[in-house]
Amino acid sequence: MRVRSFQLSDATHVTELLQVSLSEECYEDTRRAFARQLSFDSGLIMVMEEEEGEAGIIGVLIGTIDQNLGCIYRVAVHPEHRRRGVGKALVQAMEQRFQQRNVSKIVVAGDEHNKAAMPLYEAMGYAGRMLEAFQKLSIAAVHSLS
């Protein structure tokens, strides 16, 4: 498996992945955010693909940056590839991308659709004690890169 930056030729595969990985309501919200992020900066969309020679994107992470704040909006992993490190690898790749862009803090979108991924973020060192304080702002966790 290999994590890489999104390429325009991935658009159909990513849309299909989002559709099979997310609930219908979450898919619609994420599809709109995906389109917005493509128009802003496609370099903040990471994908994981199967080994070379095998077709398919098995994971995607949509991020964005607002001033000096990096935001992980959505991680989606194909149901057949969950609990195999795909989400963790995508988050780590986005953290590196954020570091390259001099982001000082990362937030995780705290909508109800991200609840299933909260254990992943907590295991990766995102400040669990800040979850409740930021949920009202739709931000679930904060992690400093410094």
Protein backbone atom coordinates (compact mmCIF):
# COMPACT_ATOMS: atom_id res chain seq x y z
CA MET A 1 0.00 0.00 0.00
CA ARG A 2 1.20 3.49 -0.76
CA VAL A 3 0.09 6.95 0.38
CA ARG A 4 0.38 9.76 -2.14
CA SER A 5 -1.11 13.09 -3.08
CA PHE A 6 -4.42 13.16 -4.90
CA GLN A 7 -4.28 13.41 -8.69
CA LEU A 8 -7.13 14.60 -10.89
CA SER A 9 -7.40 11.11 -12.42
CA ASP A 10 -8.35 9.86 -8.91
CA ALA A 11 -11.59 11.87 -8.74
CA THR A 12 -13.94 9.08 -9.82
CA HIS A 13 -12.23 6.47 -7.62
CA VAL A 14 -12.30 8.77 -4.59
CA THR A 15 -15.99 9.55 -5.14
CA GLU A 16 -16.75 5.82 -5.36
CA LEU A 17 -14.73 5.16 -2.20
CA LEU A 18 -16.59 7.88 -0.30
CA GLN A 19 -19.90 6.40 -1.42
CA VAL A 20 -19.13 2.87 -0.15
CA SER A 21 -17.35 4.04 3.00
CA LEU A 22 -19.72 6.68 4.39
CA SER A 23 -23.39 6.96 5.28
CA GLU A 24 -25.58 8.67 2.70
CA GLU A 25 -25.77 11.94 4.69
CA CYS A 26 -22.04 11.92 5.41
CA TYR A 27 -21.30 11.14 1.76
CA GLU A 28 -23.28 14.18 0.57
CA ASP A 29 -21.53 16.49 3.07
CA THR A 30 -18.12 15.06 2.24
CA ARG A 31 -18.64 15.16 -1.51
CA ARG A 32 -19.33 18.89 -1.31
CA ALA A 33 -16.28 19.47 0.91
CA PHE A 34 -14.16 17.35 -1.46
CA ALA A 35 -15.22 19.52 -4.41
CA ARG A 36 -14.48 22.73 -2.46
CA GLN A 37 -11.05 21.49 -1.40
CA LEU A 38 -10.23 20.51 -4.99
CA SER A 39 -10.88 24.09 -6.02
CA PHE A 40 -8.74 25.47 -3.16
CA ASP A 41 -5.78 23.10 -2.91
CA SER A 42 -5.80 19.47 -4.06
CA GLY A 43 -2.41 19.00 -2.37
CA LEU A 44 -4.29 18.65 0.91
CA ILE A 45 -6.08 15.51 -0.23
CA MET A 46 -4.14 12.31 0.37
CA VAL A 47 -5.02 8.87 -0.98
CA MET A 48 -3.85 5.37 -0.23
CA GLU A 49 -3.77 2.92 -3.07
CA GLU A 50 -3.24 -0.81 -3.13
CA GLU A 51 0.10 -2.22 -4.22
CA GLU A 52 1.21 -1.41 -7.72
CA GLY A 53 -0.49 -3.58 -10.28
CA GLU A 54 -3.70 -3.66 -8.24
CA ALA A 55 -6.33 -1.13 -9.14
CA GLY A 56 -8.01 0.92 -6.52
CA ILE A 57 -7.87 3.61 -3.91
CA ILE A 58 -8.64 2.18 -0.50
CA GLY A 59 -8.45 5.33 1.62
CA VAL A 60 -8.66 9.10 1.39
CA LEU A 61 -8.07 11.99 3.77
CA ILE A 62 -9.41 15.45 3.05
CA GLY A 63 -7.63 18.26 4.85
CA THR A 64 -7.47 22.01 4.61
CA ILE A 65 -5.52 24.92 6.06
CA ASP A 66 -6.97 28.14 7.42
CA GLN A 67 -4.19 30.63 8.16
CA ASN A 68 -1.78 28.59 10.31
CA LEU A 69 -4.33 25.97 11.38
CA GLY A 70 -4.50 22.57 9.67
CA CYS A 71 -7.81 20.74 9.67
CA ILE A 72 -8.43 17.06 9.07
CA TYR A 73 -11.94 17.11 7.68
CA ARG A 74 -12.59 13.48 6.81
CA VAL A 75 -10.83 10.13 6.66
CA ALA A 76 -12.60 7.43 4.68
CA VAL A 77 -11.32 3.86 4.37
CA HIS A 78 -12.89 1.14 2.26
CA PRO A 79 -14.78 -1.26 4.57
CA GLU A 80 -12.67 -4.25 3.44
CA HIS A 81 -9.44 -2.45 4.46
CA ARG A 82 -10.38 -1.05 7.86
CA ARG A 83 -8.29 -1.72 10.98
CA ARG A 84 -5.16 -2.32 8.88
CA GLY A 85 -3.38 0.99 9.44
CA VAL A 86 -4.79 2.81 6.42
CA GLY A 87 -6.30 5.67 8.42
CA LYS A 88 -3.18 6.04 10.55
CA ALA A 89 -0.93 6.18 7.48
CA LEU A 90 -3.15 8.83 5.89
CA VAL A 91 -3.14 10.98 9.04
CA GLN A 92 0.64 10.69 9.32
CA ALA A 93 1.04 11.72 5.68
CA MET A 94 -1.22 14.73 6.23
CA GLU A 95 0.72 15.69 9.36
CA GLN A 96 3.89 15.71 7.26
CA ARG A 97 2.16 17.82 4.62
CA PHE A 98 1.00 20.25 7.28
CA GLN A 99 4.57 20.47 8.64
CA GLN A 100 5.87 21.25 5.15
CA ARG A 101 3.40 24.12 5.05
CA ASN A 102 4.41 25.47 8.48
CA VAL A 103 1.13 24.63 10.21
CA SER A 104 1.48 24.93 13.99
CA LYS A 105 -1.72 23.15 15.10
CA ILE A 106 -4.02 20.53 13.67
CA VAL A 107 -7.71 20.24 14.43
CA VAL A 108 -10.06 17.41 13.62
CA ALA A 109 -13.57 18.25 12.42
CA GLY A 110 -15.87 17.22 15.23
CA ASP A 111 -19.09 16.45 13.42
CA GLU A 112 -21.11 13.34 14.24
CA HIS A 113 -19.69 11.55 11.22
CA ASN A 114 -16.16 11.57 12.68
CA LYS A 115 -17.11 9.84 15.95
CA ALA A 116 -16.06 6.42 14.67
CA ALA A 117 -12.56 7.74 13.92
CA MET A 118 -12.03 9.36 17.33
CA PRO A 119 -10.17 6.34 18.79
CA LEU A 120 -7.69 6.61 15.90
CA TYR A 121 -7.03 10.28 16.60
CA GLU A 122 -6.74 9.71 20.33
CA ALA A 123 -4.29 6.83 19.82
CA MET A 124 -2.17 9.12 17.64
CA GLY A 125 -1.73 11.65 20.43
CA TYR A 126 -4.49 14.14 19.78
CA ALA A 127 -5.51 15.79 23.01
CA GLY A 128 -8.47 13.78 24.28
CA ARG A 129 -9.04 16.14 27.20
CA MET A 130 -9.94 18.86 24.70
CA LEU A 131 -12.64 16.86 22.92
CA GLU A 132 -15.58 18.15 24.96
CA ALA A 133 -14.35 21.73 25.05
CA PHE A 134 -14.13 21.95 21.28
CA GLN A 135 -17.17 19.92 20.22
CA LYS A 136 -19.42 22.98 20.44
CA LEU A 137 -17.17 24.62 17.87
CA SER A 138 -17.34 21.50 15.65
CA ILE A 139 -13.67 20.82 16.33
CA ALA A 140 -13.00 17.56 18.10
CA ALA A 141 -9.30 17.56 18.96
CA VAL A 142 -6.24 19.75 18.79
CA HIS A 143 -2.68 18.53 18.27
CA SER A 144 0.37 20.77 18.32
CA LEU A 145 3.17 19.97 15.86
CA SER A 146 5.83 21.61 17.99
